[in-house]
C-alpha cells in the first residue's frame, strides 16, 4: 500500500495553486458584494448633529448651504424643517 492514499503522484505547482486560490477568493468576494443589501443613504442621524426643529437666532435650515427643498438636507437624514437648525449649519 502507498502512504499517499488516493494521490496519484501528480503535483500541483505553486503557480496553479495561487491562481486557483485567487480566482476562488475573487469569486467569493464578488458573490458577497452582490448579496449585500444597498444602504439607503450615507447621511448622519439627526441626533448626531443636534438637530432641532426651531431656529437658533437667524440661523435656519432654509438659509443653510446644505438645505434641499422642500424638507431635506444634504448631510442629515430624515425630514428637516425649514425653520430647523443643527451644528452643521453653514450660511449660504
Protein backbone atom coordinates (compact mmCIF):
# COMPACT_ATOMS: atom_id res chain seq x y z
CA UNK A 1 0.00 0.00 0.00
CA UNK A 2 1.05 3.52 -0.66
CA UNK A 3 1.42 6.21 2.03
CA UNK A 4 -0.18 8.71 -0.31
CA UNK A 5 -3.65 7.12 -0.37
CA UNK A 6 -5.60 8.15 -3.47
CA UNK A 7 -2.99 10.74 -4.51
CA UNK A 8 -1.81 9.76 -7.99
CA UNK A 9 1.59 11.33 -7.65
CA UNK A 10 0.67 14.43 -9.64
CA UNK A 11 1.98 17.57 -8.06
CA UNK A 12 0.19 20.90 -8.11
CA UNK A 13 2.51 23.74 -8.98
CA UNK A 14 2.67 26.78 -6.72
CA UNK A 15 1.51 28.92 -9.65
CA UNK A 16 -1.59 26.76 -10.22
CA UNK A 17 -2.39 26.74 -6.51
CA UNK A 18 -2.09 30.53 -6.19
CA UNK A 19 -4.12 31.08 -9.35
CA UNK A 20 -6.91 28.79 -8.09
CA UNK A 21 -6.88 30.48 -4.66
CA UNK A 22 -7.05 33.95 -6.23
CA UNK A 23 -9.91 33.02 -8.55
CA UNK A 24 -11.81 31.33 -5.72
CA UNK A 25 -11.26 34.29 -3.37
CA UNK A 26 -12.33 36.74 -6.05
CA UNK A 27 -15.46 34.75 -6.76
CA UNK A 28 -16.34 34.61 -3.07
CA UNK A 29 -15.80 38.35 -2.72
CA UNK A 30 -17.91 39.05 -5.80
CA UNK A 31 -20.77 36.93 -4.51
CA UNK A 32 -20.68 38.62 -1.13
CA UNK A 33 -20.88 42.06 -2.76
CA UNK A 34 -23.82 41.03 -4.93
CA UNK A 35 -25.69 39.59 -1.96
CA UNK A 36 -25.08 42.62 0.30
CA UNK A 37 -28.07 44.99 0.59
CA UNK A 38 -27.55 48.55 -0.60
CA UNK A 39 -27.61 51.25 2.04
CA UNK A 40 -30.29 53.89 1.59
CA UNK A 41 -28.03 56.82 2.39
CA UNK A 42 -24.81 57.89 3.99
CA UNK A 43 -26.44 60.72 5.88
CA UNK A 44 -25.93 61.35 9.59
CA UNK A 45 -28.74 60.84 12.10
CA UNK A 46 -30.44 63.98 13.40
CA UNK A 47 -29.39 63.23 16.96
CA UNK A 48 -25.69 63.14 16.00
CA UNK A 49 -25.81 66.71 14.66
CA UNK A 50 -28.03 68.03 17.48
CA UNK A 51 -30.84 68.86 15.04
CA UNK A 52 -33.72 70.89 16.44
CA UNK A 53 -36.93 71.92 14.68
CA UNK A 54 -36.56 75.53 15.90
CA UNK A 55 -34.03 78.10 14.65
CA UNK A 56 -31.01 79.32 16.58
CA UNK A 57 -31.25 83.08 16.16
CA UNK A 58 -31.10 83.89 12.45
CA UNK A 59 -29.55 80.51 11.66
CA UNK A 60 -32.23 78.39 9.99
CA UNK A 61 -32.09 75.34 7.74
CA UNK A 62 -33.73 77.16 4.82
CA UNK A 63 -30.82 79.64 4.62
CA UNK A 64 -28.13 76.96 5.05
CA UNK A 65 -25.93 75.88 2.13
CA UNK A 66 -26.85 72.22 2.84
CA UNK A 67 -30.63 72.77 2.58
CA UNK A 68 -32.58 70.83 -0.07
CA UNK A 69 -36.15 71.91 -0.74
CA UNK A 70 -38.82 71.04 0.28
CA UNK A 71 -37.68 69.34 3.52
CA UNK A 72 -34.26 67.70 3.33
CA UNK A 73 -30.57 68.24 4.00
CA UNK A 74 -27.53 67.05 2.04
CA UNK A 75 -25.91 65.60 5.17
CA UNK A 76 -28.69 64.93 7.71
CA UNK A 77 -31.11 62.02 7.44
CA UNK A 78 -34.88 62.35 7.73
CA UNK A 79 -37.39 65.15 7.29
CA UNK A 80 -35.93 68.57 8.06
CA UNK A 81 -37.99 71.61 8.98
CA UNK A 82 -37.21 74.83 7.09
CA UNK A 83 -37.11 76.63 10.44
CA UNK A 84 -34.80 74.00 11.99
CA UNK A 85 -31.12 74.17 12.94
CA UNK A 86 -28.15 71.85 13.60
CA UNK A 87 -24.43 72.10 14.32
CA UNK A 88 -23.61 71.68 10.60
CA UNK A 89 -25.29 74.99 9.74
CA UNK A 90 -23.35 76.99 7.14
CA UNK A 91 -24.91 80.18 5.83
CA UNK A 92 -25.48 80.44 2.06
